[in-house]
N, C-alpha and C. Protein backbone atom coordinates (compact mmCIF):
# COMPACT_ATOMS: atom_id res chain seq x y z
N ILE A 1 -12.06 0.98 19.49
CA ILE A 1 -11.41 0.94 18.27
C ILE A 1 -9.54 1.61 19.20
N TYR A 2 -9.52 1.94 21.18
CA TYR A 2 -8.92 1.94 21.33
C TYR A 2 -7.48 0.99 20.99
N ASN A 3 -8.08 -0.60 21.04
CA ASN A 3 -7.19 -1.87 20.88
C ASN A 3 -7.11 -1.19 19.27
N ILE A 4 -7.31 -1.32 18.62
CA ILE A 4 -6.33 -0.76 17.56
C ILE A 4 -5.37 0.15 17.45
N TYR A 5 -6.01 1.55 17.63
CA TYR A 5 -5.02 2.77 18.12
C TYR A 5 -3.37 2.22 18.95
N LYS A 6 -3.83 1.58 19.56
CA LYS A 6 -2.51 0.99 20.55
C LYS A 6 -1.27 0.15 20.00
N ASN A 7 -1.81 -0.71 19.22
CA ASN A 7 -1.42 -1.51 18.19
C ASN A 7 -0.34 -0.62 16.76
N THR A 8 -0.95 0.33 16.69
CA THR A 8 -0.58 1.00 15.41
C THR A 8 0.20 2.42 15.46
N LEU A 9 1.22 2.65 14.80
CA LEU A 9 1.69 3.78 14.76
C LEU A 9 1.10 5.02 14.64
N HIS A 10 0.38 4.58 13.61
CA HIS A 10 0.02 6.66 13.16
C HIS A 10 -1.13 6.74 13.65
N LEU A 11 -1.78 5.68 13.68
CA LEU A 11 -3.57 5.89 13.91
C LEU A 11 -4.26 6.78 15.28
N PRO A 12 -4.46 7.78 14.77
CA PRO A 12 -4.74 8.74 15.98
C PRO A 12 -6.25 8.49 16.75
N TYR A 13 -6.12 8.99 18.41
CA TYR A 13 -7.20 8.23 19.73
C TYR A 13 -7.29 9.40 20.20
N PRO A 14 -8.75 9.71 20.14
CA PRO A 14 -10.21 9.49 19.94
C PRO A 14 -10.23 9.39 18.22
N TYR A 15 -10.74 8.34 17.88
CA TYR A 15 -10.13 8.98 15.53
C TYR A 15 -11.70 9.08 15.64
N ARG A 16 -11.22 10.33 14.97
CA ARG A 16 -12.24 11.30 15.18
C ARG A 16 -12.71 11.55 12.91
N LEU A 17 -14.17 11.73 12.89
CA LEU A 17 -14.52 11.95 11.70
C LEU A 17 -13.51 12.33 10.32
N ASN A 18 -12.86 13.44 10.76
CA ASN A 18 -12.13 14.29 10.59
C ASN A 18 -10.89 13.84 9.97
N ASP A 19 -10.45 12.75 10.87
CA ASP A 19 -9.24 11.60 10.83
C ASP A 19 -9.35 10.96 9.79
N ALA A 20 -10.98 10.29 9.21
CA ALA A 20 -10.91 9.52 8.70
C ALA A 20 -10.99 9.92 7.56
N LEU A 21 -11.42 11.17 7.32
CA LEU A 21 -11.81 12.37 5.92
C LEU A 21 -10.51 12.37 5.06
N SER A 22 -9.44 13.04 6.10
CA SER A 22 -8.41 13.12 5.70
C SER A 22 -7.71 11.86 5.24
N TRP A 23 -7.58 10.84 5.67
CA TRP A 23 -7.24 9.98 5.18
C TRP A 23 -7.38 9.46 4.06
N ILE A 24 -8.66 9.41 4.03
CA ILE A 24 -9.53 8.57 2.50
C ILE A 24 -9.23 9.78 1.61
N GLU A 25 -8.91 10.99 1.54
CA GLU A 25 -8.72 11.93 0.70
C GLU A 25 -7.11 12.10 -0.08
N ARG A 26 -6.41 11.67 1.21
CA ARG A 26 -4.93 11.33 0.77
C ARG A 26 -5.06 9.86 -0.61
N HIS A 27 -5.58 9.30 -0.46
CA HIS A 27 -5.07 8.54 -1.32
C HIS A 27 -5.01 8.01 -2.61
N HIS A 28 -5.86 8.86 -3.87
CA HIS A 28 -5.69 8.73 -4.89
C HIS A 28 -4.51 9.64 -5.58
N GLU A 29 -4.01 10.44 -4.47
CA GLU A 29 -2.97 11.57 -4.72
C GLU A 29 -1.68 10.76 -4.06
N ASN A 30 -1.33 10.15 -3.30
CA ASN A 30 -0.31 9.04 -3.16
C ASN A 30 -0.33 7.83 -4.16
N PHE A 31 -1.92 7.43 -4.84
CA PHE A 31 -1.63 5.81 -5.54
C PHE A 31 -1.13 6.50 -6.82
N MET A 32 -1.27 7.89 -7.51
CA MET A 32 -1.81 8.10 -8.55
C MET A 32 0.02 8.78 -8.16
N THR A 33 0.78 9.63 -7.52
CA THR A 33 2.16 9.74 -7.60
C THR A 33 3.20 8.74 -7.21
N ASP A 34 2.55 7.27 -6.96
CA ASP A 34 3.47 6.53 -6.46
C ASP A 34 4.24 6.40 -5.14
N LYS A 35 3.15 7.01 -4.73
CA LYS A 35 4.06 7.22 -3.34
C LYS A 35 3.23 5.63 -2.22
N ASN A 36 2.59 5.93 -2.08
CA ASN A 36 1.65 4.67 -1.13
C ASN A 36 -0.01 4.16 -1.60
N TYR A 37 0.29 3.02 -1.56
CA TYR A 37 -0.86 2.92 -1.92
C TYR A 37 -1.91 1.83 -0.31
N ASP A 38 -3.17 2.50 -0.72
CA ASP A 38 -4.03 1.94 0.64
C ASP A 38 -5.30 1.50 0.12
N PHE A 39 -5.70 0.34 0.62
CA PHE A 39 -6.60 -0.44 0.23
C PHE A 39 -6.99 -1.37 1.58
N ALA A 40 -8.76 -1.30 0.87
CA ALA A 40 -9.72 -2.09 1.87
C ALA A 40 -9.74 -2.99 1.63
N VAL A 41 -9.32 -4.36 3.30
CA VAL A 41 -9.20 -5.49 3.58
C VAL A 41 -11.00 -5.64 3.47
N THR A 42 -11.66 -6.22 2.82
CA THR A 42 -13.21 -7.04 2.87
C THR A 42 -13.15 -8.38 2.58
N ASP A 43 -15.03 -8.41 2.90
CA ASP A 43 -15.55 -9.42 2.43
C ASP A 43 -15.30 -9.70 0.83
N LYS A 44 -15.49 -10.35 0.34
CA LYS A 44 -14.71 -11.32 -1.35
C LYS A 44 -16.40 -11.11 -1.49
N GLU A 45 -17.23 -11.26 -0.53
CA GLU A 45 -18.70 -11.42 -1.32
C GLU A 45 -19.50 -10.40 -0.89
N THR A 46 -19.63 -9.84 0.20
CA THR A 46 -20.35 -9.08 0.67
C THR A 46 -19.37 -7.91 0.42
N GLY A 47 -18.58 -7.52 0.29
CA GLY A 47 -18.07 -5.90 0.79
C GLY A 47 -18.01 -5.15 2.00
N GLU A 48 -18.32 -6.29 2.67
CA GLU A 48 -18.19 -5.73 4.53
C GLU A 48 -16.77 -5.15 4.33
N LEU A 49 -16.36 -4.43 5.27
CA LEU A 49 -15.23 -4.09 5.70
C LEU A 49 -14.41 -4.29 6.71
N PHE A 50 -13.57 -5.05 7.03
CA PHE A 50 -12.73 -5.82 8.15
C PHE A 50 -11.89 -4.68 8.40
N GLY A 51 -11.10 -4.54 7.38
CA GLY A 51 -9.81 -3.04 7.75
C GLY A 51 -9.20 -2.67 6.72
N ALA A 52 -7.63 -2.46 7.15
CA ALA A 52 -7.18 -1.29 5.79
C ALA A 52 -5.55 -2.55 5.78
N ILE A 53 -5.07 -1.82 4.49
CA ILE A 53 -3.98 -2.49 4.50
C ILE A 53 -2.87 -1.19 3.84
N ALA A 54 -1.84 -1.21 3.81
CA ALA A 54 -1.01 -0.39 2.66
C ALA A 54 0.19 -1.29 2.82
N LEU A 55 0.53 -0.02 1.50
CA LEU A 55 2.21 -0.07 0.93
C LEU A 55 3.06 0.61 0.96
N SER A 56 4.21 0.71 1.82
CA SER A 56 4.62 3.32 0.98
C SER A 56 5.56 2.30 -0.50
N ASN A 57 5.92 3.31 -0.43
CA ASN A 57 7.34 3.13 -2.08
C ASN A 57 7.82 4.24 -1.82
N ASN A 58 9.12 3.22 -1.27
CA ASN A 58 10.39 4.26 -1.48
C ASN A 58 10.90 4.19 -2.58
N LYS A 59 10.65 5.13 -3.63
CA LYS A 59 11.58 4.31 -4.85
C LYS A 59 12.83 5.27 -4.95
N ARG A 60 13.42 5.74 -4.32
CA ARG A 60 14.92 6.14 -4.29
C ARG A 60 15.77 4.99 -3.30
N PHE A 61 15.09 3.55 -2.73
CA PHE A 61 15.74 2.63 -1.87
C PHE A 61 15.39 1.63 -2.74
N ASN A 62 14.14 1.61 -3.27
CA ASN A 62 13.13 0.44 -3.92
C ASN A 62 12.75 -0.77 -3.19
N HIS A 63 12.20 -0.26 -2.19
CA HIS A 63 11.68 -0.82 -0.58
C HIS A 63 10.41 -0.49 0.11
N GLY A 64 9.49 -1.24 0.24
CA GLY A 64 8.20 -0.67 0.84
C GLY A 64 8.07 -1.30 2.52
N GLU A 65 7.39 -0.62 2.56
CA GLU A 65 6.40 -0.81 4.07
C GLU A 65 5.23 -1.25 3.85
N ILE A 66 4.32 -2.60 4.34
CA ILE A 66 3.32 -2.82 4.83
C ILE A 66 3.22 -2.37 5.95
N ALA A 67 1.65 -1.97 6.12
CA ALA A 67 1.31 -1.68 7.68
C ALA A 67 -0.43 -2.06 7.41
N TYR A 68 -1.32 -3.26 8.57
CA TYR A 68 -2.62 -3.10 8.55
C TYR A 68 -2.80 -2.87 9.18
N TRP A 69 -4.14 -2.98 9.77
CA TRP A 69 -5.32 -2.67 11.17
C TRP A 69 -6.62 -4.01 10.23
N ILE A 70 -6.98 -4.28 11.58
CA ILE A 70 -8.47 -5.25 11.00
C ILE A 70 -9.02 -4.69 12.44
N GLY A 71 -10.36 -4.43 12.01
CA GLY A 71 -10.99 -4.07 13.28
C GLY A 71 -11.68 -5.46 14.22
N GLU A 72 -11.66 -4.88 15.55
CA GLU A 72 -11.83 -6.02 16.23
C GLU A 72 -12.38 -7.48 16.44
N HIS A 73 -13.42 -7.04 16.31
CA HIS A 73 -14.83 -8.26 16.09
C HIS A 73 -13.94 -9.33 14.94
N TYR A 74 -13.05 -8.74 14.04
CA TYR A 74 -12.78 -9.74 12.84
C TYR A 74 -11.32 -10.15 13.03
N TRP A 75 -11.34 -10.31 14.31
CA TRP A 75 -9.46 -10.94 14.58
C TRP A 75 -9.92 -12.23 14.75
N GLY A 76 -8.63 -12.95 14.56
CA GLY A 76 -8.15 -14.38 14.21
C GLY A 76 -9.09 -14.71 13.09
N ASN A 77 -9.32 -14.19 11.83
CA ASN A 77 -9.81 -14.73 11.05
C ASN A 77 -8.78 -14.91 10.29
N SER A 78 -7.53 -14.58 9.71
CA SER A 78 -7.02 -14.59 8.70
C SER A 78 -6.86 -13.72 7.88
N TYR A 79 -7.79 -12.49 8.09
CA TYR A 79 -7.78 -11.48 7.06
C TYR A 79 -6.74 -10.81 6.41
N ALA A 80 -6.43 -10.53 7.53
CA ALA A 80 -4.66 -9.78 7.75
C ALA A 80 -3.66 -10.12 7.15
N THR A 81 -3.73 -12.10 7.09
CA THR A 81 -2.56 -12.61 6.45
C THR A 81 -2.92 -12.75 5.24
N GLU A 82 -4.33 -12.84 4.86
CA GLU A 82 -4.76 -13.08 3.48
C GLU A 82 -3.88 -11.80 2.95
N ALA A 83 -4.53 -10.66 3.48
CA ALA A 83 -4.37 -9.05 2.89
C ALA A 83 -2.84 -8.66 2.89
N ALA A 84 -2.07 -9.01 3.94
CA ALA A 84 -0.87 -9.14 3.62
C ALA A 84 0.17 -9.91 2.44
N GLN A 85 -0.53 -11.43 2.09
CA GLN A 85 -0.03 -12.05 1.07
C GLN A 85 0.29 -11.69 0.02
N SER A 86 -1.41 -11.26 0.02
CA SER A 86 -1.93 -10.28 -1.66
C SER A 86 -1.04 -9.18 -1.59
N MET A 87 -0.98 -8.17 -0.58
CA MET A 87 0.35 -7.04 -0.81
C MET A 87 1.52 -7.31 -1.70
N LEU A 88 2.19 -8.46 -0.33
CA LEU A 88 3.54 -9.12 -0.93
C LEU A 88 3.97 -9.35 -2.66
N GLN A 89 2.68 -9.61 -2.94
CA GLN A 89 2.93 -10.00 -4.20
C GLN A 89 2.38 -9.14 -5.33
N PHE A 90 1.89 -8.06 -4.67
CA PHE A 90 1.86 -6.65 -5.39
C PHE A 90 2.60 -5.92 -5.94
N ALA A 91 3.67 -5.77 -4.23
CA ALA A 91 4.99 -5.23 -4.30
C ALA A 91 5.89 -6.09 -4.93
N PHE A 92 6.04 -6.95 -4.95
CA PHE A 92 7.00 -7.44 -5.61
C PHE A 92 6.88 -7.87 -7.02
N GLU A 93 5.24 -8.31 -7.75
CA GLU A 93 4.86 -8.47 -8.65
C GLU A 93 4.54 -7.07 -9.39
N GLU A 94 4.23 -6.32 -9.05
CA GLU A 94 3.47 -5.60 -9.92
C GLU A 94 4.65 -4.12 -10.02
N LYS A 95 4.69 -3.45 -8.42
CA LYS A 95 6.06 -2.72 -8.43
C LYS A 95 7.56 -3.12 -8.38
N LYS A 96 7.48 -4.31 -8.20
CA LYS A 96 9.15 -4.85 -8.68
C LYS A 96 10.08 -4.22 -7.58
N LEU A 97 9.52 -4.53 -5.67
CA LEU A 97 10.10 -3.43 -5.18
C LEU A 97 11.47 -5.00 -4.60
N HIS A 98 12.41 -4.19 -4.39
CA HIS A 98 13.40 -5.07 -3.94
C HIS A 98 13.24 -5.63 -2.55
N LYS A 99 12.50 -5.23 -1.37
CA LYS A 99 12.72 -5.57 -0.05
C LYS A 99 11.06 -4.54 0.28
N VAL A 100 10.66 -5.12 0.91
CA VAL A 100 9.68 -5.16 1.92
C VAL A 100 9.48 -5.86 3.16
N PHE A 101 9.33 -4.52 4.04
CA PHE A 101 9.69 -4.77 5.69
C PHE A 101 7.90 -4.66 5.89
N ALA A 102 7.94 -4.80 7.63
CA ALA A 102 6.76 -4.46 8.46
C ALA A 102 7.09 -4.23 9.93
N ARG A 103 6.81 -4.10 10.19
CA ARG A 103 6.99 -3.48 12.03
C ARG A 103 5.82 -4.00 12.48
N TYR A 104 5.89 -4.42 14.20
CA TYR A 104 4.65 -4.18 14.77
C TYR A 104 5.81 -4.35 16.65
N PHE A 105 4.18 -4.03 17.62
CA PHE A 105 5.03 -3.78 18.66
C PHE A 105 4.54 -5.04 19.02
N SER A 106 5.77 -5.24 20.52
CA SER A 106 6.18 -6.44 20.81
C SER A 106 4.47 -7.12 21.67
N SER A 107 4.32 -6.09 22.25
CA SER A 107 2.33 -6.16 22.85
C SER A 107 1.01 -6.39 21.62
N ASN A 108 1.87 -7.18 20.44
CA ASN A 108 1.04 -7.15 19.80
C ASN A 108 1.54 -8.51 19.26
N PRO A 109 1.43 -9.37 19.93
CA PRO A 109 2.40 -11.09 18.80
C PRO A 109 1.94 -11.58 17.96
N ALA A 110 0.48 -11.21 17.25
CA ALA A 110 -0.72 -11.73 16.55
C ALA A 110 -0.27 -11.05 15.42
N SER A 111 0.28 -9.83 15.44
CA SER A 111 1.13 -9.28 14.12
C SER A 111 2.03 -9.84 13.46
N GLY A 112 3.08 -10.07 14.90
CA GLY A 112 4.18 -10.40 14.13
C GLY A 112 4.12 -11.91 13.59
N LYS A 113 2.69 -12.56 13.80
CA LYS A 113 2.49 -14.08 13.07
C LYS A 113 2.17 -13.99 11.88
N VAL A 114 1.36 -13.05 11.42
CA VAL A 114 0.67 -12.59 10.28
C VAL A 114 2.37 -12.22 9.68
N MET A 115 3.06 -11.79 9.53
CA MET A 115 4.28 -11.61 9.33
C MET A 115 5.31 -13.00 9.04
N ASP A 116 5.47 -13.50 9.74
CA ASP A 116 5.90 -14.55 10.05
C ASP A 116 5.07 -15.81 9.11
N LYS A 117 3.74 -15.56 8.57
CA LYS A 117 3.00 -16.95 7.75
C LYS A 117 3.16 -16.80 6.77
N ILE A 118 3.32 -15.24 6.14
CA ILE A 118 3.30 -14.97 4.90
C ILE A 118 5.18 -14.51 4.32
N GLY A 119 5.94 -15.70 5.19
CA GLY A 119 7.18 -15.90 4.89
C GLY A 119 8.14 -14.75 5.09
N MET A 120 8.11 -13.55 5.89
CA MET A 120 9.08 -12.40 6.02
C MET A 120 10.04 -13.18 7.28
N LYS A 121 11.36 -13.19 7.39
CA LYS A 121 12.02 -13.15 8.47
C LYS A 121 12.08 -12.11 8.97
N LYS A 122 12.43 -12.10 10.32
CA LYS A 122 12.56 -11.04 11.50
C LYS A 122 14.43 -11.16 11.09
N GLU A 123 14.07 -9.08 11.20
CA GLU A 123 15.62 -9.39 11.15
C GLU A 123 16.28 -7.58 12.62
N GLY A 124 15.32 -7.91 13.29
CA GLY A 124 15.96 -7.77 14.70
C GLY A 124 14.60 -6.68 15.18
N MET A 125 14.91 -5.98 16.43
CA MET A 125 14.08 -5.27 17.34
C MET A 125 14.31 -4.11 17.00
N LEU A 126 13.78 -2.62 17.10
CA LEU A 126 13.74 -1.41 17.41
C LEU A 126 13.26 -1.35 18.72
N LYS A 127 14.01 -0.88 19.48
CA LYS A 127 13.51 -0.44 21.00
C LYS A 127 13.47 0.92 20.89
N LYS A 128 12.16 1.39 21.60
CA LYS A 128 12.00 2.93 22.00
C LYS A 128 12.44 3.74 20.26
N THR A 129 11.26 3.60 19.60
CA THR A 129 11.10 4.02 18.33
C THR A 129 10.21 5.15 17.77
N CYS A 130 9.63 4.80 18.81
CA CYS A 130 7.99 5.58 19.08
C CYS A 130 7.48 6.42 20.11
N HIS A 131 6.93 6.94 19.33
CA HIS A 131 5.89 8.08 20.62
C HIS A 131 5.20 7.26 21.63
N LYS A 132 4.93 6.41 21.23
CA LYS A 132 4.02 5.47 22.27
C LYS A 132 5.46 4.41 23.04
N ARG A 133 6.97 4.82 23.00
CA ARG A 133 7.62 3.87 24.30
C ARG A 133 7.33 2.68 23.81
N ARG A 134 7.43 1.80 23.00
CA ARG A 134 7.01 0.36 23.19
C ARG A 134 8.40 -0.11 22.12
N GLU A 135 8.29 -0.91 22.11
CA GLU A 135 9.45 -1.77 20.99
C GLU A 135 8.93 -1.65 20.40
N VAL A 136 9.05 -2.06 18.96
CA VAL A 136 8.73 -2.14 18.03
C VAL A 136 9.74 -3.47 17.10
N SER A 137 9.26 -4.44 16.88
CA SER A 137 10.08 -5.68 15.73
C SER A 137 9.41 -5.58 14.31
N GLY A 138 10.73 -5.65 13.93
CA GLY A 138 10.49 -5.62 12.10
C GLY A 138 10.73 -7.06 11.76
N PHE A 139 9.67 -6.92 10.71
CA PHE A 139 10.25 -8.23 9.50
C PHE A 139 10.65 -7.69 8.17
N SER A 140 11.31 -8.08 7.87
CA SER A 140 11.37 -8.12 6.56
C SER A 140 11.40 -8.96 5.33
N LEU A 141 11.07 -9.02 3.93
CA LEU A 141 11.21 -9.90 2.77
C LEU A 141 12.02 -9.84 1.67
N LEU A 142 13.07 -10.55 1.43
CA LEU A 142 13.76 -10.04 0.55
C LEU A 142 13.08 -10.72 -1.28
N ARG A 143 13.07 -10.30 -2.22
CA ARG A 143 12.55 -10.76 -2.66
C ARG A 143 13.17 -11.83 -3.47
N ASN A 144 13.30 -12.69 -4.29
CA ASN A 144 13.67 -14.12 -4.26
C ASN A 144 14.71 -13.37 -6.07
N ASN A 145 15.86 -13.31 -6.14
CA ASN A 145 16.21 -12.96 -7.78
C ASN A 145 17.12 -14.50 -8.67
């Protein structure tokens, strides 16, 4: 789990059972209040869990941020790409957001490739913007009007 932790902004390490339970507990309220949408990334046939993807919903500015993680054993199988593409469709078609953005650590270029594959365009690099003291790159996708 350390390799997932070092490439995510909010995942604690070590990751304890209470961390997972607390995270899961917030899903329903966040969904019902139109604040955040967390979905499992699973195998379509077996339901095996590969990871998770989320979309925040900033109603004031009509934009959202996607974030995702995939278990290390499943890296390189396009699960993040497929999930992110579906999340963008949800964001624009269902939630009618104006803009969706995402960030990734420069030490994790594979995440940036996912964003590139789904049509996001790089807007800039945020330097030393988080407690992990690493550069974060930002991609965004504007809805076509």
